[in-house]
């Protein structure tokens, strides 16, 4: 991971939130948090996620591709 990268973190539970907090040390441009529960996604936003994807419909990959201009 390099400063300015876009990263995606799958899961906004305790481990995912720890990964999100740690990733901020590397100055990513965007942090996409993916989870099944909106409540956890809101917590991820409070911890620094810049984009949220609820994967309840199973379309997280497509949505991340849309959010990142097909860079993934």
PDB file of N, CA and C in Angstrom:
ATOM      1  N   UNK A   1       0.837  -1.172   0.000  1.00  0.00           N
ATOM      2  CA  UNK A   1       0.000   0.000   0.000  1.00  0.00           C
ATOM      3  C   UNK A   1       0.884   1.237   0.000  1.00  0.00           C
ATOM      4  N   UNK A   2       0.506   2.190  -0.842  1.00  0.00           N
ATOM      5  CA  UNK A   2       1.254   3.438  -0.969  1.00  0.00           C
ATOM      6  C   UNK A   2       0.338   4.621  -0.644  1.00  0.00           C
ATOM      7  N   UNK A   3       0.900   5.743  -0.223  1.00  0.00           N
ATOM      8  CA  UNK A   3       0.070   6.932  -0.035  1.00  0.00           C
ATOM      9  C   UNK A   3      -0.683   7.249  -1.334  1.00  0.00           C
ATOM     10  N   UNK A   4      -1.951   7.577  -1.191  1.00  0.00           N
ATOM     11  CA  UNK A   4      -2.776   7.910  -2.337  1.00  0.00           C
ATOM     12  C   UNK A   4      -3.515   6.748  -2.956  1.00  0.00           C
ATOM     13  N   UNK A   5      -3.253   5.517  -2.515  1.00  0.00           N
ATOM     14  CA  UNK A   5      -3.956   4.343  -3.034  1.00  0.00           C
ATOM     15  C   UNK A   5      -5.399   4.330  -2.554  1.00  0.00           C
ATOM     16  N   UNK A   6      -6.228   3.567  -3.250  1.00  0.00           N
ATOM     17  CA  UNK A   6      -7.573   3.256  -2.805  1.00  0.00           C
ATOM     18  C   UNK A   6      -7.541   1.826  -2.299  1.00  0.00           C
ATOM     19  N   UNK A   7      -8.067   1.610  -1.099  1.00  0.00           N
ATOM     20  CA  UNK A   7      -8.083   0.261  -0.543  1.00  0.00           C
ATOM     21  C   UNK A   7      -9.512  -0.138  -0.200  1.00  0.00           C
ATOM     22  N   UNK A   8      -9.752  -1.440  -0.200  1.00  0.00           N
ATOM     23  CA  UNK A   8     -11.051  -1.982   0.198  1.00  0.00           C
ATOM     24  C   UNK A   8     -10.825  -2.940   1.353  1.00  0.00           C
ATOM     25  N   UNK A   9     -11.622  -2.801   2.374  1.00  0.00           N
ATOM     26  CA  UNK A   9     -11.543  -3.671   3.545  1.00  0.00           C
ATOM     27  C   UNK A   9     -12.864  -4.420   3.649  1.00  0.00           C
ATOM     28  N   UNK A  10     -12.788  -5.735   3.564  1.00  0.00           N
ATOM     29  CA  UNK A  10     -13.977  -6.571   3.629  1.00  0.00           C
ATOM     30  C   UNK A  10     -14.236  -6.935   5.078  1.00  0.00           C
ATOM     31  N   UNK A  11     -15.342  -6.460   5.589  1.00  0.00           N
ATOM     32  CA  UNK A  11     -15.724  -6.710   6.973  1.00  0.00           C
ATOM     33  C   UNK A  11     -15.479  -5.489   7.837  1.00  0.00           C
ATOM     34  N   UNK A  12     -16.507  -5.089   8.559  1.00  0.00           N
ATOM     35  CA  UNK A  12     -16.399  -3.926   9.436  1.00  0.00           C
ATOM     36  C   UNK A  12     -16.613  -4.331  10.890  1.00  0.00           C
ATOM     37  N   UNK A  13     -16.205  -5.559  11.209  1.00  0.00           N
ATOM     38  CA  UNK A  13     -16.210  -6.016  12.593  1.00  0.00           C
ATOM     39  C   UNK A  13     -14.929  -5.561  13.264  1.00  0.00           C
ATOM     40  N   UNK A  14     -14.593  -6.127  14.400  1.00  0.00           N
ATOM     41  CA  UNK A  14     -13.399  -5.689  15.130  1.00  0.00           C
ATOM     42  C   UNK A  14     -12.106  -5.777  14.316  1.00  0.00           C
ATOM     43  N   UNK A  15     -11.904  -6.859  13.580  1.00  0.00           N
ATOM     44  CA  UNK A  15     -10.677  -7.009  12.801  1.00  0.00           C
ATOM     45  C   UNK A  15     -10.662  -6.026  11.627  1.00  0.00           C
ATOM     46  N   UNK A  16     -11.785  -5.889  10.947  1.00  0.00           N
ATOM     47  CA  UNK A  16     -11.865  -4.946   9.834  1.00  0.00           C
ATOM     48  C   UNK A  16     -11.652  -3.510  10.275  1.00  0.00           C
ATOM     49  N   UNK A  17     -12.214  -3.147  11.426  1.00  0.00           N
ATOM     50  CA  UNK A  17     -12.017  -1.790  11.939  1.00  0.00           C
ATOM     51  C   UNK A  17     -10.564  -1.563  12.343  1.00  0.00           C
ATOM     52  N   UNK A  18      -9.923  -2.596  12.889  1.00  0.00           N
ATOM     53  CA  UNK A  18      -8.499  -2.477  13.234  1.00  0.00           C
ATOM     54  C   UNK A  18      -7.675  -2.298  11.957  1.00  0.00           C
ATOM     55  N   UNK A  19      -8.013  -3.029  10.899  1.00  0.00           N
ATOM     56  CA  UNK A  19      -7.319  -2.879   9.616  1.00  0.00           C
ATOM     57  C   UNK A  19      -7.541  -1.478   9.053  1.00  0.00           C
ATOM     58  N   UNK A  20      -8.755  -0.966   9.181  1.00  0.00           N
ATOM     59  CA  UNK A  20      -9.063   0.384   8.713  1.00  0.00           C
ATOM     60  C   UNK A  20      -8.217   1.416   9.455  1.00  0.00           C
ATOM     61  N   UNK A  21      -8.169   1.307  10.761  1.00  0.00           N
ATOM     62  CA  UNK A  21      -7.407   2.269  11.554  1.00  0.00           C
ATOM     63  C   UNK A  21      -5.916   2.188  11.221  1.00  0.00           C
ATOM     64  N   UNK A  22      -5.398   0.985  11.052  1.00  0.00           N
ATOM     65  CA  UNK A  22      -3.989   0.809  10.732  1.00  0.00           C
ATOM     66  C   UNK A  22      -3.685   1.344   9.335  1.00  0.00           C
ATOM     67  N   UNK A  23      -4.590   1.128   8.397  1.00  0.00           N
ATOM     68  CA  UNK A  23      -4.359   1.580   7.016  1.00  0.00           C
ATOM     69  C   UNK A  23      -4.220   3.096   6.929  1.00  0.00           C
ATOM     70  N   UNK A  24      -4.834   3.805   7.830  1.00  0.00           N
ATOM     71  CA  UNK A  24      -4.768   5.270   7.794  1.00  0.00           C
ATOM     72  C   UNK A  24      -3.350   5.788   7.997  1.00  0.00           C
ATOM     73  N   UNK A  25      -2.461   4.991   8.612  1.00  0.00           N
ATOM     74  CA  UNK A  25      -1.064   5.388   8.773  1.00  0.00           C
ATOM     75  C   UNK A  25      -0.352   5.514   7.424  1.00  0.00           C
ATOM     76  N   UNK A  26      -0.901   4.859   6.382  1.00  0.00           N
ATOM     77  CA  UNK A  26      -0.281   4.854   5.059  1.00  0.00           C
ATOM     78  C   UNK A  26      -0.899   5.881   4.107  1.00  0.00           C
ATOM     79  N   UNK A  27      -1.791   6.722   4.605  1.00  0.00           N
ATOM     80  CA  UNK A  27      -2.406   7.832   3.867  1.00  0.00           C
ATOM     81  C   UNK A  27      -3.079   7.432   2.560  1.00  0.00           C
ATOM     82  N   UNK A  28      -4.017   6.474   2.610  1.00  0.00           N
ATOM     83  CA  UNK A  28      -4.730   6.151   1.376  1.00  0.00           C
ATOM     84  C   UNK A  28      -5.641   7.308   0.975  1.00  0.00           C
ATOM     85  N   UNK A  29      -5.885   7.436  -0.324  1.00  0.00           N
ATOM     86  CA  UNK A  29      -6.801   8.471  -0.805  1.00  0.00           C
ATOM     87  C   UNK A  29      -8.241   8.113  -0.455  1.00  0.00           C
ATOM     88  N   UNK A  30      -8.574   6.835  -0.613  1.00  0.00           N
ATOM     89  CA  UNK A  30      -9.923   6.357  -0.334  1.00  0.00           C
ATOM     90  C   UNK A  30      -9.847   5.033   0.414  1.00  0.00           C
ATOM     91  N   UNK A  31     -10.789   4.851   1.343  1.00  0.00           N
ATOM     92  CA  UNK A  31     -10.922   3.586   2.063  1.00  0.00           C
ATOM     93  C   UNK A  31     -12.364   3.121   1.881  1.00  0.00           C
ATOM     94  N   UNK A  32     -12.523   1.995   1.184  1.00  0.00           N
ATOM     95  CA  UNK A  32     -13.844   1.415   0.958  1.00  0.00           C
ATOM     96  C   UNK A  32     -14.063   0.347   2.026  1.00  0.00           C
ATOM     97  N   UNK A  33     -15.126   0.480   2.782  1.00  0.00           N
ATOM     98  CA  UNK A  33     -15.470  -0.510   3.801  1.00  0.00           C
ATOM     99  C   UNK A  33     -16.669  -1.301   3.307  1.00  0.00           C
ATOM    100  N   UNK A  34     -16.563  -2.635   3.369  1.00  0.00           N
ATOM    101  CA  UNK A  34     -17.610  -3.527   2.867  1.00  0.00           C
ATOM    102  C   UNK A  34     -18.112  -4.388   4.020  1.00  0.00           C
ATOM    103  N   UNK A  35     -19.416  -4.432   4.192  1.00  0.00           N
ATOM    104  CA  UNK A  35     -20.012  -5.267   5.236  1.00  0.00           C
ATOM    105  C   UNK A  35     -21.460  -5.540   4.870  1.00  0.00           C
ATOM    106  N   UNK A  36     -22.110  -6.388   5.647  1.00  0.00           N
ATOM    107  CA  UNK A  36     -23.512  -6.726   5.432  1.00  0.00           C
ATOM    108  C   UNK A  36     -24.461  -5.879   6.274  1.00  0.00           C
ATOM    109  N   UNK A  37     -23.930  -5.188   7.270  1.00  0.00           N
ATOM    110  CA  UNK A  37     -24.771  -4.444   8.209  1.00  0.00           C
ATOM    111  C   UNK A  37     -24.481  -2.945   8.146  1.00  0.00           C
ATOM    112  N   UNK A  38     -25.529  -2.175   7.943  1.00  0.00           N
ATOM    113  CA  UNK A  38     -25.385  -0.717   7.871  1.00  0.00           C
ATOM    114  C   UNK A  38     -24.827  -0.122   9.163  1.00  0.00           C
ATOM    115  N   UNK A  39     -25.199  -0.696  10.296  1.00  0.00           N
ATOM    116  CA  UNK A  39     -24.711  -0.168  11.573  1.00  0.00           C
ATOM    117  C   UNK A  39     -23.182  -0.262  11.648  1.00  0.00           C
ATOM    118  N   UNK A  40     -22.633  -1.388  11.234  1.00  0.00           N
ATOM    119  CA  UNK A  40     -21.177  -1.541  11.233  1.00  0.00           C
ATOM    120  C   UNK A  40     -20.529  -0.600  10.219  1.00  0.00           C
ATOM    121  N   UNK A  41     -21.182  -0.402   9.086  1.00  0.00           N
ATOM    122  CA  UNK A  41     -20.636   0.506   8.083  1.00  0.00           C
ATOM    123  C   UNK A  41     -20.591   1.940   8.600  1.00  0.00           C
ATOM    124  N   UNK A  42     -21.580   2.338   9.361  1.00  0.00           N
ATOM    125  CA  UNK A  42     -21.576   3.685   9.941  1.00  0.00           C
ATOM    126  C   UNK A  42     -20.432   3.840  10.936  1.00  0.00           C
ATOM    127  N   UNK A  43     -20.151   2.805  11.686  1.00  0.00           N
ATOM    128  CA  UNK A  43     -19.010   2.855  12.607  1.00  0.00           C
ATOM    129  C   UNK A  43     -17.716   2.962  11.807  1.00  0.00           C
ATOM    130  N   UNK A  44     -17.626   2.209  10.709  1.00  0.00           N
ATOM    131  CA  UNK A  44     -16.438   2.295   9.847  1.00  0.00           C
ATOM    132  C   UNK A  44     -16.261   3.714   9.318  1.00  0.00           C
ATOM    133  N   UNK A  45     -17.361   4.365   8.986  1.00  0.00           N
ATOM    134  CA  UNK A  45     -17.288   5.753   8.510  1.00  0.00           C
ATOM    135  C   UNK A  45     -16.730   6.654   9.610  1.00  0.00           C
ATOM    136  N   UNK A  46     -17.174   6.444  10.831  1.00  0.00           N
ATOM    137  CA  UNK A  46     -16.667   7.225  11.962  1.00  0.00           C
ATOM    138  C   UNK A  46     -15.167   6.988  12.180  1.00  0.00           C
ATOM    139  N   UNK A  47     -14.691   5.799  11.821  1.00  0.00           N
ATOM    140  CA  UNK A  47     -13.283   5.449  11.979  1.00  0.00           C
ATOM    141  C   UNK A  47     -12.440   5.884  10.783  1.00  0.00           C
ATOM    142  N   UNK A  48     -13.079   6.422   9.726  1.00  0.00           N
ATOM    143  CA  UNK A  48     -12.305   6.958   8.605  1.00  0.00           C
ATOM    144  C   UNK A  48     -12.585   6.399   7.234  1.00  0.00           C
ATOM    145  N   UNK A  49     -13.510   5.456   7.107  1.00  0.00           N
ATOM    146  CA  UNK A  49     -13.853   4.953   5.776  1.00  0.00           C
ATOM    147  C   UNK A  49     -14.454   6.093   4.950  1.00  0.00           C
ATOM    148  N   UNK A  50     -14.078   6.178   3.692  1.00  0.00           N
ATOM    149  CA  UNK A  50     -14.583   7.254   2.840  1.00  0.00           C
ATOM    150  C   UNK A  50     -15.704   6.783   1.925  1.00  0.00           C
ATOM    151  N   UNK A  51     -15.799   5.471   1.699  1.00  0.00           N
ATOM    152  CA  UNK A  51     -16.875   4.896   0.889  1.00  0.00           C
ATOM    153  C   UNK A  51     -17.392   3.650   1.589  1.00  0.00           C
ATOM    154  N   UNK A  52     -18.699   3.447   1.539  1.00  0.00           N
ATOM    155  CA  UNK A  52     -19.327   2.320   2.220  1.00  0.00           C
ATOM    156  C   UNK A  52     -20.077   1.467   1.210  1.00  0.00           C
ATOM    157  N   UNK A  53     -19.941   0.156   1.339  1.00  0.00           N
ATOM    158  CA  UNK A  53     -20.643  -0.771   0.457  1.00  0.00           C
ATOM    159  C   UNK A  53     -21.320  -1.835   1.312  1.00  0.00           C
ATOM    160  N   UNK A  54     -22.651  -1.888   1.236  1.00  0.00           N
ATOM    161  CA  UNK A  54     -23.385  -2.949   1.899  1.00  0.00           C
ATOM    162  C   UNK A  54     -23.501  -4.099   0.904  1.00  0.00           C
ATOM    163  N   UNK A  55     -22.963  -5.260   1.259  1.00  0.00           N
ATOM    164  CA  UNK A  55     -22.942  -6.406   0.357  1.00  0.00           C
ATOM    165  C   UNK A  55     -24.100  -7.370   0.591  1.00  0.00           C
ATOM    166  N   UNK A  56     -25.183  -6.911   1.177  1.00  0.00           N
ATOM    167  CA  UNK A  56     -26.324  -7.783   1.420  1.00  0.00           C
ATOM    168  C   UNK A  56     -26.884  -8.354   0.119  1.00  0.00           C
ATOM    169  N   UNK A  57     -26.716  -7.619  -0.974  1.00  0.00           N
ATOM    170  CA  UNK A  57     -27.221  -8.092  -2.270  1.00  0.00           C
ATOM    171  C   UNK A  57     -26.186  -8.904  -3.052  1.00  0.00           C
ATOM    172  N   UNK A  58     -24.983  -9.060  -2.510  1.00  0.00           N
ATOM    173  CA  UNK A  58     -23.949  -9.848  -3.154  1.00  0.00           C
ATOM    174  C   UNK A  58     -23.243  -9.159  -4.307  1.00  0.00           C
ATOM    175  N   UNK A  59     -23.420  -7.857  -4.448  1.00  0.00           N
ATOM    176  CA  UNK A  59     -22.842  -7.124  -5.572  1.00  0.00           C
ATOM    177  C   UNK A  59     -21.685  -6.215  -5.178  1.00  0.00           C
ATOM    178  N   UNK A  60     -20.957  -6.558  -4.136  1.00  0.00           N
ATOM    179  CA  UNK A  60     -19.879  -5.693  -3.654  1.00  0.00           C
ATOM    180  C   UNK A  60     -18.802  -5.471  -4.711  1.00  0.00           C
ATOM    181  N   UNK A  61     -18.435  -6.509  -5.448  1.00  0.00           N
ATOM    182  CA  UNK A  61     -17.374  -6.363  -6.447  1.00  0.00           C
ATOM    183  C   UNK A  61     -17.777  -5.337  -7.501  1.00  0.00           C
ATOM    184  N   UNK A  62     -18.989  -5.460  -8.018  1.00  0.00           N
ATOM    185  CA  UNK A  62     -19.466  -4.505  -9.023  1.00  0.00           C
ATOM    186  C   UNK A  62     -19.503  -3.088  -8.465  1.00  0.00           C
ATOM    187  N   UNK A  63     -19.955  -2.946  -7.221  1.00  0.00           N
ATOM    188  CA  UNK A  63     -20.068  -1.618  -6.635  1.00  0.00           C
ATOM    189  C   UNK A  63     -18.695  -1.005  -6.384  1.00  0.00           C
ATOM    190  N   UNK A  64     -17.725  -1.815  -5.931  1.00  0.00           N
ATOM    191  CA  UNK A  64     -16.358  -1.299  -5.749  1.00  0.00           C
ATOM    192  C   UNK A  64     -15.784  -0.883  -7.088  1.00  0.00           C
ATOM    193  N   UNK A  65     -16.010  -1.668  -8.125  1.00  0.00           N
ATOM    194  CA  UNK A  65     -15.525  -1.312  -9.466  1.00  0.00           C
ATOM    195  C   UNK A  65     -16.166   0.007  -9.926  1.00  0.00           C
ATOM    196  N   UNK A  66     -17.450   0.190  -9.663  1.00  0.00           N
ATOM    197  CA  UNK A  66     -18.130   1.440 -10.016  1.00  0.00           C
ATOM    198  C   UNK A  66     -17.537   2.628  -9.236  1.00  0.00           C
ATOM    199  N   UNK A  67     -17.315   2.437  -7.953  1.00  0.00           N
ATOM    200  CA  UNK A  67     -16.797   3.517  -7.106  1.00  0.00           C
ATOM    201  C   UNK A  67     -15.364   3.917  -7.461  1.00  0.00           C
ATOM    202  N   UNK A  68     -14.603   2.971  -8.004  1.00  0.00           N
ATOM    203  CA  UNK A  68     -13.194   3.237  -8.277  1.00  0.00           C
ATOM    204  C   UNK A  68     -12.892   3.421  -9.755  1.00  0.00           C
ATOM    205  N   UNK A  69     -13.897   3.645 -10.566  1.00  0.00           N
ATOM    206  CA  UNK A  69     -13.660   3.839 -11.991  1.00  0.00           C
ATOM    207  C   UNK A  69     -13.059   2.608 -12.645  1.00  0.00           C
ATOM    208  N   UNK A  70     -13.528   1.430 -12.247  1.00  0.00           N
ATOM    209  CA  UNK A  70     -13.112   0.127 -12.776  1.00  0.00           C
ATOM    210  C   UNK A  70     -11.683  -0.248 -12.420  1.00  0.00           C
ATOM    211  N   UNK A  71     -11.078   0.441 -11.449  1.00  0.00           N
ATOM    212  CA  UNK A  71      -9.720   0.086 -11.011  1.00  0.00           C
ATOM    213  C   UNK A  71      -9.739  -1.048 -10.010  1.00  0.00           C
ATOM    214  N   UNK A  72     -10.849  -1.177  -9.293  1.00  0.00           N
ATOM    215  CA  UNK A  72     -10.951  -2.238  -8.299  1.00  0.00           C
ATOM    216  C   UNK A  72     -10.209  -1.934  -7.030  1.00  0.00           C
TER     217      UNK A  72
END
